Amino acid sequence: MQHKIIGYLLVCIGLLLILFAAIGMYKVFVGHQPVVPVVHLTDVTMQSQFGTMLIPMANLNTLVNIGLFVLFMVFIVIIGEKMASLGCNFLKIERIYEALATKGETPSAEQIKKL
């Protein structure tokens, strides 16, 4: 019984993490929510044979911050997938134990390991 409760809890938490990441990515890419500025690069001035050149970094800042945001959200999705998978494994163990118990035999630890 405890495996069933923990299993359903882990599946729900995993699905909520995946949903959180999907909604967060949707809001950022549609434009409803700005990206959190993690990296701030300043403009670069370079000396060349044609004179002083100013290279603006505003677009590169946005690109790097969106890339870091996507990397973080993929990490959250992977964590959610692992938690949901672990919950499914707990539920599978509980169903195997219940199936063996309905046959009238109580499974030993060795029988459960073999399954």
PDB file of N, CA and C in Angstrom:
ATOM      1  N   MET A   1       0.812  -1.194   0.000  1.00  0.00           N
ATOM      2  CA  MET A   1       0.000   0.000   0.000  1.00  0.00           C
ATOM      3  C   MET A   1       0.857   1.260   0.000  1.00  0.00           C
ATOM      4  N   GLN A   2       1.982   1.233   0.718  1.00  0.00           N
ATOM      5  CA  GLN A   2       2.816   2.431   0.766  1.00  0.00           C
ATOM      6  C   GLN A   2       3.474   2.699  -0.577  1.00  0.00           C
ATOM      7  N   HIS A   3       3.774   1.639  -1.347  1.00  0.00           N
ATOM      8  CA  HIS A   3       4.352   1.840  -2.670  1.00  0.00           C
ATOM      9  C   HIS A   3       3.351   2.529  -3.592  1.00  0.00           C
ATOM     10  N   LYS A   4       2.067   2.216  -3.410  1.00  0.00           N
ATOM     11  CA  LYS A   4       1.043   2.807  -4.257  1.00  0.00           C
ATOM     12  C   LYS A   4       0.922   4.304  -3.993  1.00  0.00           C
ATOM     13  N   ILE A   5       0.929   4.704  -2.739  1.00  0.00           N
ATOM     14  CA  ILE A   5       0.807   6.124  -2.392  1.00  0.00           C
ATOM     15  C   ILE A   5       2.032   6.893  -2.880  1.00  0.00           C
ATOM     16  N   ILE A   6       3.209   6.357  -2.610  1.00  0.00           N
ATOM     17  CA  ILE A   6       4.442   7.013  -3.049  1.00  0.00           C
ATOM     18  C   ILE A   6       4.509   7.048  -4.576  1.00  0.00           C
ATOM     19  N   GLY A   7       4.089   5.976  -5.214  1.00  0.00           N
ATOM     20  CA  GLY A   7       4.106   5.921  -6.677  1.00  0.00           C
ATOM     21  C   GLY A   7       3.222   6.980  -7.303  1.00  0.00           C
ATOM     22  N   TYR A   8       1.969   7.082  -6.840  1.00  0.00           N
ATOM     23  CA  TYR A   8       1.075   8.099  -7.381  1.00  0.00           C
ATOM     24  C   TYR A   8       1.571   9.508  -7.070  1.00  0.00           C
ATOM     25  N   LEU A   9       2.151   9.701  -5.900  1.00  0.00           N
ATOM     26  CA  LEU A   9       2.692  11.007  -5.542  1.00  0.00           C
ATOM     27  C   LEU A   9       3.849  11.393  -6.458  1.00  0.00           C
ATOM     28  N   LEU A  10       4.754  10.457  -6.725  1.00  0.00           N
ATOM     29  CA  LEU A  10       5.881  10.744  -7.611  1.00  0.00           C
ATOM     30  C   LEU A  10       5.429  10.982  -9.048  1.00  0.00           C
ATOM     31  N   VAL A  11       4.438  10.239  -9.512  1.00  0.00           N
ATOM     32  CA  VAL A  11       3.918  10.461 -10.863  1.00  0.00           C
ATOM     33  C   VAL A  11       3.314  11.858 -10.969  1.00  0.00           C
ATOM     34  N   CYS A  12       2.532  12.258  -9.969  1.00  0.00           N
ATOM     35  CA  CYS A  12       1.915  13.589  -9.990  1.00  0.00           C
ATOM     36  C   CYS A  12       2.963  14.699  -9.939  1.00  0.00           C
ATOM     37  N   ILE A  13       3.957  14.545  -9.080  1.00  0.00           N
ATOM     38  CA  ILE A  13       5.010  15.562  -8.988  1.00  0.00           C
ATOM     39  C   ILE A  13       5.786  15.644 -10.298  1.00  0.00           C
ATOM     40  N   GLY A  14       6.097  14.511 -10.885  1.00  0.00           N
ATOM     41  CA  GLY A  14       6.817  14.503 -12.159  1.00  0.00           C
ATOM     42  C   GLY A  14       6.030  15.169 -13.267  1.00  0.00           C
ATOM     43  N   LEU A  15       4.726  14.867 -13.347  1.00  0.00           N
ATOM     44  CA  LEU A  15       3.900  15.498 -14.373  1.00  0.00           C
ATOM     45  C   LEU A  15       3.745  16.989 -14.134  1.00  0.00           C
ATOM     46  N   LEU A  16       3.662  17.403 -12.876  1.00  0.00           N
ATOM     47  CA  LEU A  16       3.575  18.834 -12.575  1.00  0.00           C
ATOM     48  C   LEU A  16       4.863  19.569 -12.962  1.00  0.00           C
ATOM     49  N   LEU A  17       6.013  18.946 -12.740  1.00  0.00           N
ATOM     50  CA  LEU A  17       7.274  19.564 -13.160  1.00  0.00           C
ATOM     51  C   LEU A  17       7.350  19.702 -14.678  1.00  0.00           C
ATOM     52  N   ILE A  18       6.921  18.678 -15.391  1.00  0.00           N
ATOM     53  CA  ILE A  18       6.923  18.747 -16.852  1.00  0.00           C
ATOM     54  C   ILE A  18       5.958  19.823 -17.333  1.00  0.00           C
ATOM     55  N   LEU A  19       4.787  19.906 -16.730  1.00  0.00           N
ATOM     56  CA  LEU A  19       3.802  20.925 -17.100  1.00  0.00           C
ATOM     57  C   LEU A  19       4.321  22.325 -16.784  1.00  0.00           C
ATOM     58  N   PHE A  20       4.971  22.499 -15.625  1.00  0.00           N
ATOM     59  CA  PHE A  20       5.551  23.786 -15.257  1.00  0.00           C
ATOM     60  C   PHE A  20       6.572  24.248 -16.290  1.00  0.00           C
ATOM     61  N   ALA A  21       7.439  23.336 -16.720  1.00  0.00           N
ATOM     62  CA  ALA A  21       8.462  23.688 -17.701  1.00  0.00           C
ATOM     63  C   ALA A  21       7.838  24.020 -19.050  1.00  0.00           C
ATOM     64  N   ALA A  22       6.839  23.262 -19.455  1.00  0.00           N
ATOM     65  CA  ALA A  22       6.195  23.517 -20.747  1.00  0.00           C
ATOM     66  C   ALA A  22       5.477  24.866 -20.750  1.00  0.00           C
ATOM     67  N   ILE A  23       4.767  25.179 -19.681  1.00  0.00           N
ATOM     68  CA  ILE A  23       4.057  26.460 -19.603  1.00  0.00           C
ATOM     69  C   ILE A  23       5.058  27.613 -19.531  1.00  0.00           C
ATOM     70  N   GLY A  24       6.138  27.448 -18.766  1.00  0.00           N
ATOM     71  CA  GLY A  24       7.157  28.488 -18.686  1.00  0.00           C
ATOM     72  C   GLY A  24       7.806  28.762 -20.029  1.00  0.00           C
ATOM     73  N   MET A  25       8.133  27.714 -20.768  1.00  0.00           N
ATOM     74  CA  MET A  25       8.736  27.895 -22.087  1.00  0.00           C
ATOM     75  C   MET A  25       7.743  28.533 -23.057  1.00  0.00           C
ATOM     76  N   TYR A  26       6.478  28.140 -22.980  1.00  0.00           N
ATOM     77  CA  TYR A  26       5.460  28.724 -23.854  1.00  0.00           C
ATOM     78  C   TYR A  26       5.311  30.223 -23.584  1.00  0.00           C
ATOM     79  N   LYS A  27       5.263  30.609 -22.309  1.00  0.00           N
ATOM     80  CA  LYS A  27       5.112  32.023 -21.965  1.00  0.00           C
ATOM     81  C   LYS A  27       6.287  32.857 -22.454  1.00  0.00           C
ATOM     82  N   VAL A  28       7.485  32.317 -22.352  1.00  0.00           N
ATOM     83  CA  VAL A  28       8.665  33.070 -22.780  1.00  0.00           C
ATOM     84  C   VAL A  28       8.711  33.198 -24.299  1.00  0.00           C
ATOM     85  N   PHE A  29       8.454  32.120 -25.018  1.00  0.00           N
ATOM     86  CA  PHE A  29       8.589  32.165 -26.462  1.00  0.00           C
ATOM     87  C   PHE A  29       7.423  32.874 -27.152  1.00  0.00           C
ATOM     88  N   VAL A  30       6.277  32.964 -26.498  1.00  0.00           N
ATOM     89  CA  VAL A  30       5.170  33.719 -27.069  1.00  0.00           C
ATOM     90  C   VAL A  30       5.337  35.209 -26.765  1.00  0.00           C
ATOM     91  N   GLY A  31       6.011  35.520 -25.672  1.00  0.00           N
ATOM     92  CA  GLY A  31       6.288  36.906 -25.335  1.00  0.00           C
ATOM     93  C   GLY A  31       5.485  37.435 -24.166  1.00  0.00           C
ATOM     94  N   HIS A  32       4.764  36.577 -23.459  1.00  0.00           N
ATOM     95  CA  HIS A  32       3.978  37.015 -22.304  1.00  0.00           C
ATOM     96  C   HIS A  32       4.856  37.292 -21.090  1.00  0.00           C
ATOM     97  N   GLN A  33       5.997  36.670 -21.018  1.00  0.00           N
ATOM     98  CA  GLN A  33       6.877  36.773 -19.853  1.00  0.00           C
ATOM     99  C   GLN A  33       8.316  36.976 -20.350  1.00  0.00           C
ATOM    100  N   PRO A  34       9.035  37.964 -19.799  1.00  0.00           N
ATOM    101  CA  PRO A  34      10.419  38.148 -20.251  1.00  0.00           C
ATOM    102  C   PRO A  34      11.352  37.096 -19.643  1.00  0.00           C
ATOM    103  N   VAL A  35      12.459  36.893 -20.312  1.00  0.00           N
ATOM    104  CA  VAL A  35      13.475  35.961 -19.817  1.00  0.00           C
ATOM    105  C   VAL A  35      14.226  36.638 -18.674  1.00  0.00           C
ATOM    106  N   VAL A  36      14.532  35.870 -17.649  1.00  0.00           N
ATOM    107  CA  VAL A  36      15.310  36.403 -16.534  1.00  0.00           C
ATOM    108  C   VAL A  36      16.731  36.672 -17.027  1.00  0.00           C
ATOM    109  N   PRO A  37      17.210  37.905 -16.894  1.00  0.00           N
ATOM    110  CA  PRO A  37      18.564  38.195 -17.396  1.00  0.00           C
ATOM    111  C   PRO A  37      19.638  37.622 -16.476  1.00  0.00           C
ATOM    112  N   VAL A  38      20.243  36.560 -16.911  1.00  0.00           N
ATOM    113  CA  VAL A  38      21.306  35.912 -16.147  1.00  0.00           C
ATOM    114  C   VAL A  38      22.660  36.473 -16.565  1.00  0.00           C
ATOM    115  N   VAL A  39      22.828  36.653 -17.864  1.00  0.00           N
ATOM    116  CA  VAL A  39      24.088  37.140 -18.419  1.00  0.00           C
ATOM    117  C   VAL A  39      23.862  38.548 -18.963  1.00  0.00           C
ATOM    118  N   HIS A  40      24.771  39.459 -18.651  1.00  0.00           N
ATOM    119  CA  HIS A  40      24.706  40.813 -19.187  1.00  0.00           C
ATOM    120  C   HIS A  40      26.069  41.162 -19.772  1.00  0.00           C
ATOM    121  N   LEU A  41      26.128  41.201 -21.094  1.00  0.00           N
ATOM    122  CA  LEU A  41      27.360  41.538 -21.784  1.00  0.00           C
ATOM    123  C   LEU A  41      27.322  43.013 -22.179  1.00  0.00           C
ATOM    124  N   THR A  42      28.436  43.704 -22.009  1.00  0.00           N
ATOM    125  CA  THR A  42      28.498  45.117 -22.394  1.00  0.00           C
ATOM    126  C   THR A  42      28.973  45.238 -23.835  1.00  0.00           C
ATOM    127  N   ASP A  43      28.703  46.392 -24.419  1.00  0.00           N
ATOM    128  CA  ASP A  43      29.112  46.636 -25.801  1.00  0.00           C
ATOM    129  C   ASP A  43      30.636  46.640 -25.905  1.00  0.00           C
ATOM    130  N   VAL A  44      31.124  46.177 -27.035  1.00  0.00           N
ATOM    131  CA  VAL A  44      32.558  46.053 -27.255  1.00  0.00           C
ATOM    132  C   VAL A  44      32.991  47.077 -28.295  1.00  0.00           C
ATOM    133  N   THR A  45      34.055  47.780 -28.007  1.00  0.00           N
ATOM    134  CA  THR A  45      34.655  48.680 -28.998  1.00  0.00           C
ATOM    135  C   THR A  45      35.978  48.083 -29.457  1.00  0.00           C
ATOM    136  N   MET A  46      36.168  48.091 -30.760  1.00  0.00           N
ATOM    137  CA  MET A  46      37.375  47.519 -31.342  1.00  0.00           C
ATOM    138  C   MET A  46      38.041  48.557 -32.249  1.00  0.00           C
ATOM    139  N   GLN A  47      39.338  48.504 -32.264  1.00  0.00           N
ATOM    140  CA  GLN A  47      40.103  49.361 -33.173  1.00  0.00           C
ATOM    141  C   GLN A  47      40.414  48.556 -34.430  1.00  0.00           C
ATOM    142  N   SER A  48      40.084  49.108 -35.558  1.00  0.00           N
ATOM    143  CA  SER A  48      40.411  48.456 -36.827  1.00  0.00           C
ATOM    144  C   SER A  48      41.108  49.469 -37.720  1.00  0.00           C
ATOM    145  N   GLN A  49      41.463  49.057 -38.896  1.00  0.00           N
ATOM    146  CA  GLN A  49      42.132  49.966 -39.818  1.00  0.00           C
ATOM    147  C   GLN A  49      41.178  51.027 -40.360  1.00  0.00           C
ATOM    148  N   PHE A  50      39.870  50.777 -40.199  1.00  0.00           N
ATOM    149  CA  PHE A  50      38.881  51.742 -40.665  1.00  0.00           C
ATOM    150  C   PHE A  50      38.410  52.675 -39.558  1.00  0.00           C
ATOM    151  N   GLY A  51      38.923  52.503 -38.363  1.00  0.00           N
ATOM    152  CA  GLY A  51      38.554  53.357 -37.241  1.00  0.00           C
ATOM    153  C   GLY A  51      37.984  52.529 -36.102  1.00  0.00           C
ATOM    154  N   THR A  52      37.361  53.223 -35.166  1.00  0.00           N
ATOM    155  CA  THR A  52      36.779  52.557 -34.001  1.00  0.00           C
ATOM    156  C   THR A  52      35.425  51.964 -34.376  1.00  0.00           C
ATOM    157  N   MET A  53      35.240  50.698 -34.010  1.00  0.00           N
ATOM    158  CA  MET A  53      33.965  50.024 -34.292  1.00  0.00           C
ATOM    159  C   MET A  53      33.290  49.674 -32.973  1.00  0.00           C
ATOM    160  N   LEU A  54      32.001  49.915 -32.897  1.00  0.00           N
ATOM    161  CA  LEU A  54      31.210  49.564 -31.715  1.00  0.00           C
ATOM    162  C   LEU A  54      30.360  48.351 -32.062  1.00  0.00           C
ATOM    163  N   ILE A  55      30.522  47.286 -31.304  1.00  0.00           N
ATOM    164  CA  ILE A  55      29.746  46.057 -31.525  1.00  0.00           C
ATOM    165  C   ILE A  55      28.712  45.960 -30.413  1.00  0.00           C
ATOM    166  N   PRO A  56      27.408  46.131 -30.748  1.00  0.00           N
ATOM    167  CA  PRO A  56      26.365  46.046 -29.709  1.00  0.00           C
ATOM    168  C   PRO A  56      26.124  44.599 -29.300  1.00  0.00           C
ATOM    169  N   MET A  57      25.926  44.379 -28.012  1.00  0.00           N
ATOM    170  CA  MET A  57      25.719  43.033 -27.485  1.00  0.00           C
ATOM    171  C   MET A  57      24.294  42.788 -27.008  1.00  0.00           C
ATOM    172  N   ALA A  58      23.372  43.672 -27.322  1.00  0.00           N
ATOM    173  CA  ALA A  58      21.996  43.521 -26.843  1.00  0.00           C
ATOM    174  C   ALA A  58      21.353  42.244 -27.395  1.00  0.00           C
ATOM    175  N   ASN A  59      21.533  41.996 -28.691  1.00  0.00           N
ATOM    176  CA  ASN A  59      20.936  40.788 -29.277  1.00  0.00           C
ATOM    177  C   ASN A  59      21.613  39.520 -28.757  1.00  0.00           C
ATOM    178  N   LEU A  60      22.919  39.596 -28.553  1.00  0.00           N
ATOM    179  CA  LEU A  60      23.633  38.437 -28.027  1.00  0.00           C
ATOM    180  C   LEU A  60      23.223  38.148 -26.581  1.00  0.00           C
ATOM    181  N   ASN A  61      22.954  39.208 -25.800  1.00  0.00           N
ATOM    182  CA  ASN A  61      22.443  39.016 -24.433  1.00  0.00           C
ATOM    183  C   ASN A  61      21.137  38.245 -24.442  1.00  0.00           C
ATOM    184  N   THR A  62      20.221  38.663 -25.307  1.00  0.00           N
ATOM    185  CA  THR A  62      18.926  37.987 -25.391  1.00  0.00           C
ATOM    186  C   THR A  62      19.092  36.536 -25.812  1.00  0.00           C
ATOM    187  N   LEU A  63      19.925  36.297 -26.792  1.00  0.00           N
ATOM    188  CA  LEU A  63      20.143  34.939 -27.288  1.00  0.00           C
ATOM    189  C   LEU A  63      20.752  34.041 -26.216  1.00  0.00           C
ATOM    190  N   VAL A  64      21.742  34.530 -25.498  1.00  0.00           N
ATOM    191  CA  VAL A  64      22.386  33.728 -24.451  1.00  0.00           C
ATOM    192  C   VAL A  64      21.412  33.464 -23.303  1.00  0.00           C
ATOM    193  N   ASN A  65      20.626  34.470 -22.906  1.00  0.00           N
ATOM    194  CA  ASN A  65      19.669  34.276 -21.815  1.00  0.00           C
ATOM    195  C   ASN A  65      18.567  33.302 -22.190  1.00  0.00           C
ATOM    196  N   ILE A  66      18.093  33.345 -23.428  1.00  0.00           N
ATOM    197  CA  ILE A  66      17.084  32.373 -23.871  1.00  0.00           C
ATOM    198  C   ILE A  66      17.686  30.969 -23.915  1.00  0.00           C
ATOM    199  N   GLY A  67      18.917  30.852 -24.363  1.00  0.00           N
ATOM    200  CA  GLY A  67      19.583  29.540 -24.386  1.00  0.00           C
ATOM    201  C   GLY A  67      19.738  28.961 -22.991  1.00  0.00           C
ATOM    202  N   LEU A  68      20.139  29.782 -22.038  1.00  0.00           N
ATOM    203  CA  LEU A  68      20.256  29.310 -20.651  1.00  0.00           C
ATOM    204  C   LEU A  68      18.904  28.934 -20.069  1.00  0.00           C
ATOM    205  N   PHE A  69      17.868  29.698 -20.419  1.00  0.00           N
ATOM    206  CA  PHE A  69      16.516  29.390 -19.947  1.00  0.00           C
ATOM    207  C   PHE A  69      16.043  28.039 -20.496  1.00  0.00           C
ATOM    208  N   VAL A  70      16.278  27.805 -21.776  1.00  0.00           N
ATOM    209  CA  VAL A  70      15.886  26.527 -22.386  1.00  0.00           C
ATOM    210  C   VAL A  70      16.650  25.373 -21.744  1.00  0.00           C
ATOM    211  N   LEU A  71      17.933  25.563 -21.494  1.00  0.00           N
ATOM    212  CA  LEU A  71      18.739  24.525 -20.847  1.00  0.00           C
ATOM    213  C   LEU A  71      18.194  24.193 -19.458  1.00  0.00           C
ATOM    214  N   PHE A  72      17.826  25.221 -18.707  1.00  0.00           N
ATOM    215  CA  PHE A  72      17.263  25.005 -17.371  1.00  0.00           C
ATOM    216  C   PHE A  72      15.920  24.285 -17.448  1.00  0.00           C
ATOM    217  N   MET A  73      15.072  24.666 -18.389  1.00  0.00           N
ATOM    218  CA  MET A  73      13.758  24.023 -18.506  1.00  0.00           C
ATOM    219  C   MET A  73      13.884  22.571 -18.980  1.00  0.00           C
ATOM    220  N   VAL A  74      14.846  22.286 -19.828  1.00  0.00           N
ATOM    221  CA  VAL A  74      15.079  20.888 -20.239  1.00  0.00           C
ATOM    222  C   VAL A  74      15.537  20.076 -19.035  1.00  0.00           C
ATOM    223  N   PHE A  75      16.361  20.673 -18.185  1.00  0.00           N
ATOM    224  CA  PHE A  75      16.786  20.008 -16.960  1.00  0.00           C
ATOM    225  C   PHE A  75      15.580  19.707 -16.065  1.00  0.00           C
ATOM    226  N   ILE A  76      14.647  20.646 -15.937  1.00  0.00           N
ATOM    227  CA  ILE A  76      13.444  20.444 -15.135  1.00  0.00           C
ATOM    228  C   ILE A  76      12.584  19.329 -15.736  1.00  0.00           C
ATOM    229  N   VAL A  77      12.472  19.291 -17.059  1.00  0.00           N
ATOM    230  CA  VAL A  77      11.686  18.239 -17.718  1.00  0.00           C
ATOM    231  C   VAL A  77      12.318  16.876 -17.473  1.00  0.00           C
ATOM    232  N   ILE A  78      13.642  16.780 -17.533  1.00  0.00           N
ATOM    233  CA  ILE A  78      14.320  15.505 -17.293  1.00  0.00           C
ATOM    234  C   ILE A  78      14.095  15.040 -15.857  1.00  0.00           C
ATOM    235  N   ILE A  79      14.156  15.977 -14.895  1.00  0.00           N
ATOM    236  CA  ILE A  79      13.877  15.618 -13.499  1.00  0.00           C
ATOM    237  C   ILE A  79      12.442  15.120 -13.359  1.00  0.00           C
ATOM    238  N   GLY A  80      11.496  15.804 -13.993  1.00  0.00           N
ATOM    239  CA  GLY A  80      10.096  15.372 -13.938  1.00  0.00           C
ATOM    240  C   GLY A  80       9.898  14.002 -14.556  1.00  0.00           C
ATOM    241  N   GLU A  81      10.589  13.740 -15.661  1.00  0.00           N
ATOM    242  CA  GLU A  81      10.473  12.431 -16.303  1.00  0.00           C
ATOM    243  C   GLU A  81      11.027  11.326 -15.415  1.00  0.00           C
ATOM    244  N   LYS A  82      12.143  11.590 -14.760  1.00  0.00           N
ATOM    245  CA  LYS A  82      12.732  10.584 -13.871  1.00  0.00           C
ATOM    246  C   LYS A  82      11.824  10.303 -12.671  1.00  0.00           C
ATOM    247  N   MET A  83      11.228  11.360 -12.116  1.00  0.00           N
ATOM    248  CA  MET A  83      10.338  11.159 -10.966  1.00  0.00           C
ATOM    249  C   MET A  83       9.086  10.388 -11.373  1.00  0.00           C
ATOM    250  N   ALA A  84       8.510  10.718 -12.535  1.00  0.00           N
ATOM    251  CA  ALA A  84       7.327   9.998 -13.000  1.00  0.00           C
ATOM    252  C   ALA A  84       7.663   8.540 -13.306  1.00  0.00           C
ATOM    253  N   SER A  85       8.834   8.293 -13.870  1.00  0.00           N
ATOM    254  CA  SER A  85       9.266   6.927 -14.156  1.00  0.00           C
ATOM    255  C   SER A  85       9.454   6.130 -12.867  1.00  0.00           C
ATOM    256  N   LEU A  86      10.038   6.762 -11.865  1.00  0.00           N
ATOM    257  CA  LEU A  86      10.207   6.102 -10.574  1.00  0.00           C
ATOM    258  C   LEU A  86       8.852   5.771  -9.945  1.00  0.00           C
ATOM    259  N   GLY A  87       7.904   6.704 -10.074  1.00  0.00           N
ATOM    260  CA  GLY A  87       6.553   6.444  -9.567  1.00  0.00           C
ATOM    261  C   GLY A  87       5.888   5.287 -10.286  1.00  0.00           C
ATOM    262  N   CYS A  88       6.065   5.202 -11.608  1.00  0.00           N
ATOM    263  CA  CYS A  88       5.511   4.071 -12.371  1.00  0.00           C
ATOM    264  C   CYS A  88       6.131   2.751 -11.933  1.00  0.00           C
ATOM    265  N   ASN A  89       7.416   2.765 -11.640  1.00  0.00           N
ATOM    266  CA  ASN A  89       8.061   1.541 -11.170  1.00  0.00           C
ATOM    267  C   ASN A  89       7.527   1.117  -9.803  1.00  0.00           C
ATOM    268  N   PHE A  90       7.269   2.080  -8.915  1.00  0.00           N
ATOM    269  CA  PHE A  90       6.662   1.743  -7.621  1.00  0.00           C
ATOM    270  C   PHE A  90       5.280   1.130  -7.813  1.00  0.00           C
ATOM    271  N   LEU A  91       4.504   1.696  -8.734  1.00  0.00           N
ATOM    272  CA  LEU A  91       3.160   1.156  -8.985  1.00  0.00           C
ATOM    273  C   LEU A  91       3.232  -0.238  -9.590  1.00  0.00           C
ATOM    274  N   LYS A  92       4.229  -0.471 -10.451  1.00  0.00           N
ATOM    275  CA  LYS A  92       4.383  -1.788 -11.055  1.00  0.00           C
ATOM    276  C   LYS A  92       4.737  -2.829  -9.990  1.00  0.00           C
ATOM    277  N   ILE A  93       5.606  -2.473  -9.060  1.00  0.00           N
ATOM    278  CA  ILE A  93       5.982  -3.390  -7.982  1.00  0.00           C
ATOM    279  C   ILE A  93       4.766  -3.727  -7.132  1.00  0.00           C
ATOM    280  N   GLU A  94       3.950  -2.726  -6.851  1.00  0.00           N
ATOM    281  CA  GLU A  94       2.749  -2.966  -6.035  1.00  0.00           C
ATOM    282  C   GLU A  94       1.763  -3.877  -6.764  1.00  0.00           C
ATOM    283  N   ARG A  95       1.601  -3.704  -8.063  1.00  0.00           N
ATOM    284  CA  ARG A  95       0.682  -4.561  -8.819  1.00  0.00           C
ATOM    285  C   ARG A  95       1.184  -5.998  -8.889  1.00  0.00           C
ATOM    286  N   ILE A  96       2.490  -6.172  -9.026  1.00  0.00           N
ATOM    287  CA  ILE A  96       3.059  -7.529  -9.040  1.00  0.00           C
ATOM    288  C   ILE A  96       2.836  -8.189  -7.688  1.00  0.00           C
ATOM    289  N   TYR A  97       3.063  -7.449  -6.627  1.00  0.00           N
ATOM    290  CA  TYR A  97       2.872  -7.994  -5.283  1.00  0.00           C
ATOM    291  C   TYR A  97       1.409  -8.367  -5.056  1.00  0.00           C
ATOM    292  N   GLU A  98       0.478  -7.504  -5.517  1.00  0.00           N
ATOM    293  CA  GLU A  98      -0.945  -7.814  -5.365  1.00  0.00           C
ATOM    294  C   GLU A  98      -1.343  -9.027  -6.196  1.00  0.00           C
ATOM    295  N   ALA A  99      -0.781  -9.172  -7.397  1.00  0.00           N
ATOM    296  CA  ALA A  99      -1.111 -10.315  -8.250  1.00  0.00           C
ATOM    297  C   ALA A  99      -0.627 -11.615  -7.625  1.00  0.00           C
ATOM    298  N   LEU A 100       0.554 -11.585  -7.020  1.00  0.00           N
ATOM    299  CA  LEU A 100       1.057 -12.781  -6.372  1.00  0.00           C
ATOM    300  C   LEU A 100       0.268 -13.083  -5.107  1.00  0.00           C
ATOM    301  N   ALA A 101      -0.196 -12.055  -4.417  1.00  0.00           N
ATOM    302  CA  ALA A 101      -0.956 -12.264  -3.184  1.00  0.00           C
ATOM    303  C   ALA A 101      -2.343 -12.819  -3.471  1.00  0.00           C
ATOM    304  N   THR A 102      -2.943 -12.490  -4.625  1.00  0.00           N
ATOM    305  CA  THR A 102      -4.273 -13.006  -4.942  1.00  0.00           C
ATOM    306  C   THR A 102      -4.239 -14.486  -5.293  1.00  0.00           C
ATOM    307  N   LYS A 103      -3.081 -14.996  -5.694  1.00  0.00           N
ATOM    308  CA  LYS A 103      -2.968 -16.421  -5.982  1.00  0.00           C
ATOM    309  C   LYS A 103      -2.967 -17.253  -4.712  1.00  0.00           C
ATOM    310  N   GLY A 104      -2.850 -16.612  -3.590  1.00  0.00           N
ATOM    311  CA  GLY A 104      -2.857 -17.329  -2.333  1.00  0.00           C
ATOM    312  C   GLY A 104      -1.477 -17.591  -1.777  1.00  0.00           C
ATOM    313  N   GLU A 105      -0.471 -17.214  -2.479  1.00  0.00           N
ATOM    314  CA  GLU A 105       0.879 -17.426  -1.993  1.00  0.00           C
ATOM    315  C   GLU A 105       1.485 -16.076  -1.626  1.00  0.00           C
ATOM    316  N   THR A 106       2.219 -16.064  -0.564  1.00  0.00           N
ATOM    317  CA  THR A 106       2.902 -14.833  -0.177  1.00  0.00           C
ATOM    318  C   THR A 106       4.298 -14.873  -0.770  1.00  0.00           C
ATOM    319  N   PRO A 107       4.625 -13.907  -1.596  1.00  0.00           N
ATOM    320  CA  PRO A 107       5.928 -13.946  -2.266  1.00  0.00           C
ATOM    321  C   PRO A 107       7.063 -13.627  -1.303  1.00  0.00           C
ATOM    322  N   SER A 108       8.137 -14.326  -1.511  1.00  0.00           N
ATOM    323  CA  SER A 108       9.324 -14.053  -0.703  1.00  0.00           C
ATOM    324  C   SER A 108      10.123 -12.932  -1.368  1.00  0.00           C
ATOM    325  N   ALA A 109      11.137 -12.480  -0.681  1.00  0.00           N
ATOM    326  CA  ALA A 109      11.963 -11.405  -1.229  1.00  0.00           C
ATOM    327  C   ALA A 109      12.694 -11.848  -2.488  1.00  0.00           C
ATOM    328  N   GLU A 110      13.076 -13.126  -2.534  1.00  0.00           N
ATOM    329  CA  GLU A 110      13.772 -13.651  -3.711  1.00  0.00           C
ATOM    330  C   GLU A 110      12.857 -13.701  -4.934  1.00  0.00           C
ATOM    331  N   GLN A 111      11.585 -14.065  -4.719  1.00  0.00           N
ATOM    332  CA  GLN A 111      10.650 -14.093  -5.839  1.00  0.00           C
ATOM    333  C   GLN A 111      10.406 -12.687  -6.392  1.00  0.00           C
ATOM    334  N   ILE A 112      10.323 -11.710  -5.508  1.00  0.00           N
ATOM    335  CA  ILE A 112      10.108 -10.337  -5.974  1.00  0.00           C
ATOM    336  C   ILE A 112      11.325  -9.835  -6.722  1.00  0.00           C
ATOM    337  N   LYS A 113      12.518 -10.200  -6.301  1.00  0.00           N
ATOM    338  CA  LYS A 113      13.741  -9.784  -6.999  1.00  0.00           C
ATOM    339  C   LYS A 113      13.813 -10.383  -8.380  1.00  0.00           C
ATOM    340  N   LYS A 114      13.329 -11.634  -8.535  1.00  0.00           N
ATOM    341  CA  LYS A 114      13.355 -12.273  -9.833  1.00  0.00           C
ATOM    342  C   LYS A 114      12.417 -11.585 -10.818  1.00  0.00           C
ATOM    343  N   LEU A 115      11.321 -11.034 -10.333  1.00  0.00           N
ATOM    344  CA  LEU A 115      10.359 -10.368 -11.211  1.00  0.00           C
ATOM    345  C   LEU A 115      10.895  -9.036 -11.645  1.00  0.00           C
TER     346      LEU A 115
END
